[in-house]
């Protein structure tokens, strides 16, 4: 199975661009309700992940007590505790699942490292649950017919 089956395309993803301010990042997270967003470079490549925790540490470390001050700082000034590991579009499903175990979403890039979308852990779990339910129903029907 191809990982594109699970892909949420870039056009449907919330993300940040590397030249956005801390304030813009906060507002994007508030508006979307997401606690982590991929950061894309000007060339469309995946640069990393910004989390609410990264933003809170930046506000603390930069002593930004006035939201207007956050407009003067770029999101790339934030130290990232960790970035979500990206996978290539040709990645095998078992490798995708191994990466998704530790991340809420997995950024997907093409051969030029251009961001093409994300695979959410939720999408993988939903698929697994559906497959499990189908196999259970088939097992019940098989026992009933026997």
C-alpha atoms as a PDB file:
ATOM      1  CA  UNK A   1       0.000   0.000   0.000  1.00  0.00           C
ATOM      2  CA  UNK A   2       1.208   3.492  -0.858  1.00  0.00           C
ATOM      3  CA  UNK A   3       1.455   6.124   1.898  1.00  0.00           C
ATOM      4  CA  UNK A   4      -0.390   8.583  -0.350  1.00  0.00           C
ATOM      5  CA  UNK A   5      -3.520   6.706   0.719  1.00  0.00           C
ATOM      6  CA  UNK A   6      -3.130   8.372   4.141  1.00  0.00           C
ATOM      7  CA  UNK A   7      -1.870  11.759   2.941  1.00  0.00           C
ATOM      8  CA  UNK A   8      -3.498  15.062   3.821  1.00  0.00           C
ATOM      9  CA  UNK A   9      -2.235  17.229   0.930  1.00  0.00           C
ATOM     10  CA  UNK A  10      -0.393  20.496   1.511  1.00  0.00           C
ATOM     11  CA  UNK A  11      -3.407  22.468   0.276  1.00  0.00           C
ATOM     12  CA  UNK A  12      -5.449  21.065   3.183  1.00  0.00           C
ATOM     13  CA  UNK A  13      -2.714  21.454   5.831  1.00  0.00           C
ATOM     14  CA  UNK A  14      -2.092  24.242   8.286  1.00  0.00           C
ATOM     15  CA  UNK A  15       1.580  25.218   8.281  1.00  0.00           C
ATOM     16  CA  UNK A  16       3.920  28.108   8.987  1.00  0.00           C
ATOM     17  CA  UNK A  17       6.413  29.751   6.672  1.00  0.00           C
ATOM     18  CA  UNK A  18       9.901  30.498   7.911  1.00  0.00           C
ATOM     19  CA  UNK A  19       9.483  34.294   7.705  1.00  0.00           C
ATOM     20  CA  UNK A  20       6.423  34.442   9.985  1.00  0.00           C
ATOM     21  CA  UNK A  21       6.541  36.100  13.389  1.00  0.00           C
ATOM     22  CA  UNK A  22       5.917  34.514  16.771  1.00  0.00           C
ATOM     23  CA  UNK A  23       2.634  36.384  16.950  1.00  0.00           C
ATOM     24  CA  UNK A  24       1.510  34.996  13.583  1.00  0.00           C
ATOM     25  CA  UNK A  25       2.419  31.503  14.751  1.00  0.00           C
ATOM     26  CA  UNK A  26       0.417  31.928  17.960  1.00  0.00           C
ATOM     27  CA  UNK A  27      -2.578  33.199  16.035  1.00  0.00           C
ATOM     28  CA  UNK A  28      -2.368  30.362  13.481  1.00  0.00           C
ATOM     29  CA  UNK A  29      -2.277  27.771  16.280  1.00  0.00           C
ATOM     30  CA  UNK A  30      -5.169  29.445  18.069  1.00  0.00           C
ATOM     31  CA  UNK A  31      -7.221  29.643  14.865  1.00  0.00           C
ATOM     32  CA  UNK A  32      -6.579  26.056  13.761  1.00  0.00           C
ATOM     33  CA  UNK A  33      -6.577  24.460  17.207  1.00  0.00           C
ATOM     34  CA  UNK A  34      -3.374  22.545  16.403  1.00  0.00           C
ATOM     35  CA  UNK A  35      -0.591  22.408  18.977  1.00  0.00           C
ATOM     36  CA  UNK A  36       2.170  21.707  16.453  1.00  0.00           C
ATOM     37  CA  UNK A  37       2.639  22.946  12.902  1.00  0.00           C
ATOM     38  CA  UNK A  38       5.195  22.179  10.193  1.00  0.00           C
ATOM     39  CA  UNK A  39       7.502  25.020   9.160  1.00  0.00           C
ATOM     40  CA  UNK A  40       8.184  25.419   5.439  1.00  0.00           C
ATOM     41  CA  UNK A  41      11.019  27.304   3.792  1.00  0.00           C
ATOM     42  CA  UNK A  42      10.567  29.850   1.039  1.00  0.00           C
ATOM     43  CA  UNK A  43      11.367  27.063  -1.436  1.00  0.00           C
ATOM     44  CA  UNK A  44       8.561  24.875  -0.044  1.00  0.00           C
ATOM     45  CA  UNK A  45      10.898  22.501   1.776  1.00  0.00           C
ATOM     46  CA  UNK A  46      10.176  21.120   5.220  1.00  0.00           C
ATOM     47  CA  UNK A  47      12.334  22.837   7.860  1.00  0.00           C
ATOM     48  CA  UNK A  48      10.922  21.516  11.113  1.00  0.00           C
ATOM     49  CA  UNK A  49       8.003  21.613  13.515  1.00  0.00           C
ATOM     50  CA  UNK A  50       6.945  24.418  15.851  1.00  0.00           C
ATOM     51  CA  UNK A  51       4.996  23.416  18.960  1.00  0.00           C
ATOM     52  CA  UNK A  52       3.127  25.396  21.576  1.00  0.00           C
ATOM     53  CA  UNK A  53       5.881  24.449  24.007  1.00  0.00           C
ATOM     54  CA  UNK A  54       8.496  25.940  21.667  1.00  0.00           C
ATOM     55  CA  UNK A  55       6.475  29.159  21.561  1.00  0.00           C
ATOM     56  CA  UNK A  56       6.081  29.302  25.347  1.00  0.00           C
ATOM     57  CA  UNK A  57       9.818  28.805  25.874  1.00  0.00           C
ATOM     58  CA  UNK A  58      10.565  31.526  23.292  1.00  0.00           C
ATOM     59  CA  UNK A  59       8.191  33.978  24.989  1.00  0.00           C
ATOM     60  CA  UNK A  60       9.840  33.216  28.339  1.00  0.00           C
ATOM     61  CA  UNK A  61      13.430  33.360  27.076  1.00  0.00           C
ATOM     62  CA  UNK A  62      12.865  36.535  25.033  1.00  0.00           C
ATOM     63  CA  UNK A  63      10.928  38.169  27.907  1.00  0.00           C
ATOM     64  CA  UNK A  64       7.969  39.004  25.663  1.00  0.00           C
ATOM     65  CA  UNK A  65       5.264  40.191  28.015  1.00  0.00           C
ATOM     66  CA  UNK A  66       3.590  42.377  25.395  1.00  0.00           C
ATOM     67  CA  UNK A  67       2.116  40.586  22.386  1.00  0.00           C
ATOM     68  CA  UNK A  68       3.249  43.443  20.122  1.00  0.00           C
ATOM     69  CA  UNK A  69       6.840  42.462  20.912  1.00  0.00           C
ATOM     70  CA  UNK A  70       6.133  39.032  19.450  1.00  0.00           C
ATOM     71  CA  UNK A  71       5.623  40.670  16.044  1.00  0.00           C
ATOM     72  CA  UNK A  72       9.312  41.627  16.026  1.00  0.00           C
ATOM     73  CA  UNK A  73      10.579  38.074  16.426  1.00  0.00           C
ATOM     74  CA  UNK A  74      10.709  35.402  13.767  1.00  0.00           C
ATOM     75  CA  UNK A  75       9.584  31.830  14.411  1.00  0.00           C
ATOM     76  CA  UNK A  76      13.033  30.617  13.378  1.00  0.00           C
ATOM     77  CA  UNK A  77      14.355  32.189  16.605  1.00  0.00           C
ATOM     78  CA  UNK A  78      12.502  29.487  18.549  1.00  0.00           C
ATOM     79  CA  UNK A  79      14.499  26.547  19.765  1.00  0.00           C
ATOM     80  CA  UNK A  80      12.699  23.353  18.841  1.00  0.00           C
ATOM     81  CA  UNK A  81      12.666  20.692  21.494  1.00  0.00           C
ATOM     82  CA  UNK A  82      12.424  18.216  18.625  1.00  0.00           C
ATOM     83  CA  UNK A  83      11.245  18.267  15.035  1.00  0.00           C
ATOM     84  CA  UNK A  84       8.819  15.788  13.564  1.00  0.00           C
ATOM     85  CA  UNK A  85      10.815  13.511  11.314  1.00  0.00           C
ATOM     86  CA  UNK A  86       9.756  13.764   7.686  1.00  0.00           C
ATOM     87  CA  UNK A  87       9.471  10.782   5.363  1.00  0.00           C
ATOM     88  CA  UNK A  88       9.812  10.545   1.625  1.00  0.00           C
ATOM     89  CA  UNK A  89       6.717   9.850  -0.451  1.00  0.00           C
ATOM     90  CA  UNK A  90       8.209   6.455  -1.384  1.00  0.00           C
ATOM     91  CA  UNK A  91       8.475   5.324   2.256  1.00  0.00           C
ATOM     92  CA  UNK A  92       7.054   1.895   3.051  1.00  0.00           C
ATOM     93  CA  UNK A  93       4.003   1.648   5.325  1.00  0.00           C
ATOM     94  CA  UNK A  94       5.826  -0.178   8.117  1.00  0.00           C
ATOM     95  CA  UNK A  95       8.473   2.578   8.234  1.00  0.00           C
ATOM     96  CA  UNK A  96       5.721   5.235   8.242  1.00  0.00           C
ATOM     97  CA  UNK A  97       4.004   3.540  11.187  1.00  0.00           C
ATOM     98  CA  UNK A  98       7.296   3.365  13.104  1.00  0.00           C
ATOM     99  CA  UNK A  99       7.780   7.110  12.674  1.00  0.00           C
ATOM    100  CA  UNK A 100       4.136   7.864  13.548  1.00  0.00           C
ATOM    101  CA  UNK A 101       4.436   6.014  16.855  1.00  0.00           C
ATOM    102  CA  UNK A 102       6.338   8.986  18.285  1.00  0.00           C
ATOM    103  CA  UNK A 103       4.684  11.850  16.374  1.00  0.00           C
ATOM    104  CA  UNK A 104       1.132  13.164  16.018  1.00  0.00           C
ATOM    105  CA  UNK A 105       1.786  13.759  12.347  1.00  0.00           C
ATOM    106  CA  UNK A 106       4.449  12.792   9.853  1.00  0.00           C
ATOM    107  CA  UNK A 107       5.505  15.387   7.264  1.00  0.00           C
ATOM    108  CA  UNK A 108       5.832  13.917   3.771  1.00  0.00           C
ATOM    109  CA  UNK A 109       8.320  15.300   1.259  1.00  0.00           C
ATOM    110  CA  UNK A 110       9.153  14.490  -2.341  1.00  0.00           C
ATOM    111  CA  UNK A 111      12.582  13.725  -3.790  1.00  0.00           C
ATOM    112  CA  UNK A 112      13.475  17.450  -3.796  1.00  0.00           C
ATOM    113  CA  UNK A 113      12.495  17.751  -0.089  1.00  0.00           C
ATOM    114  CA  UNK A 114       9.419  19.793  -1.059  1.00  0.00           C
ATOM    115  CA  UNK A 115       6.647  19.452   1.504  1.00  0.00           C
ATOM    116  CA  UNK A 116       3.646  17.707  -0.058  1.00  0.00           C
ATOM    117  CA  UNK A 117       1.499  17.063   3.012  1.00  0.00           C
ATOM    118  CA  UNK A 118       1.191  15.144   6.248  1.00  0.00           C
ATOM    119  CA  UNK A 119       0.054  11.760   7.446  1.00  0.00           C
ATOM    120  CA  UNK A 120      -1.676  11.919  10.808  1.00  0.00           C
ATOM    121  CA  UNK A 121      -1.428   9.193  13.381  1.00  0.00           C
ATOM    122  CA  UNK A 122      -5.234   9.393  13.532  1.00  0.00           C
ATOM    123  CA  UNK A 123      -5.533   8.428   9.838  1.00  0.00           C
ATOM    124  CA  UNK A 124      -3.310   5.397  10.382  1.00  0.00           C
ATOM    125  CA  UNK A 125      -5.227   4.301  13.483  1.00  0.00           C
ATOM    126  CA  UNK A 126      -8.585   4.719  11.748  1.00  0.00           C
ATOM    127  CA  UNK A 127      -7.404   2.538   8.872  1.00  0.00           C
ATOM    128  CA  UNK A 128      -6.093  -0.119  11.275  1.00  0.00           C
ATOM    129  CA  UNK A 129      -9.346  -0.082  13.240  1.00  0.00           C
ATOM    130  CA  UNK A 130     -11.420  -0.466  10.074  1.00  0.00           C
ATOM    131  CA  UNK A 131      -9.238  -3.379   8.924  1.00  0.00           C
ATOM    132  CA  UNK A 132      -9.502  -4.990  12.360  1.00  0.00           C
ATOM    133  CA  UNK A 133     -13.290  -4.655  12.445  1.00  0.00           C
ATOM    134  CA  UNK A 134     -13.561  -6.126   8.944  1.00  0.00           C
ATOM    135  CA  UNK A 135     -11.364  -9.081   9.877  1.00  0.00           C
ATOM    136  CA  UNK A 136     -13.346  -9.673  13.085  1.00  0.00           C
ATOM    137  CA  UNK A 137     -16.618  -9.640  11.165  1.00  0.00           C
ATOM    138  CA  UNK A 138     -15.176 -12.075   8.634  1.00  0.00           C
ATOM    139  CA  UNK A 139     -14.012 -14.371  11.462  1.00  0.00           C
ATOM    140  CA  UNK A 140     -17.459 -14.291  13.106  1.00  0.00           C
ATOM    141  CA  UNK A 141     -19.161 -15.044   9.782  1.00  0.00           C
ATOM    142  CA  UNK A 142     -16.701 -17.879   9.143  1.00  0.00           C
ATOM    143  CA  UNK A 143     -17.409 -19.450  12.559  1.00  0.00           C
ATOM    144  CA  UNK A 144     -21.139 -19.077  12.011  1.00  0.00           C
ATOM    145  CA  UNK A 145     -20.960 -20.788   8.606  1.00  0.00           C
ATOM    146  CA  UNK A 146     -18.843 -23.650   9.946  1.00  0.00           C
END
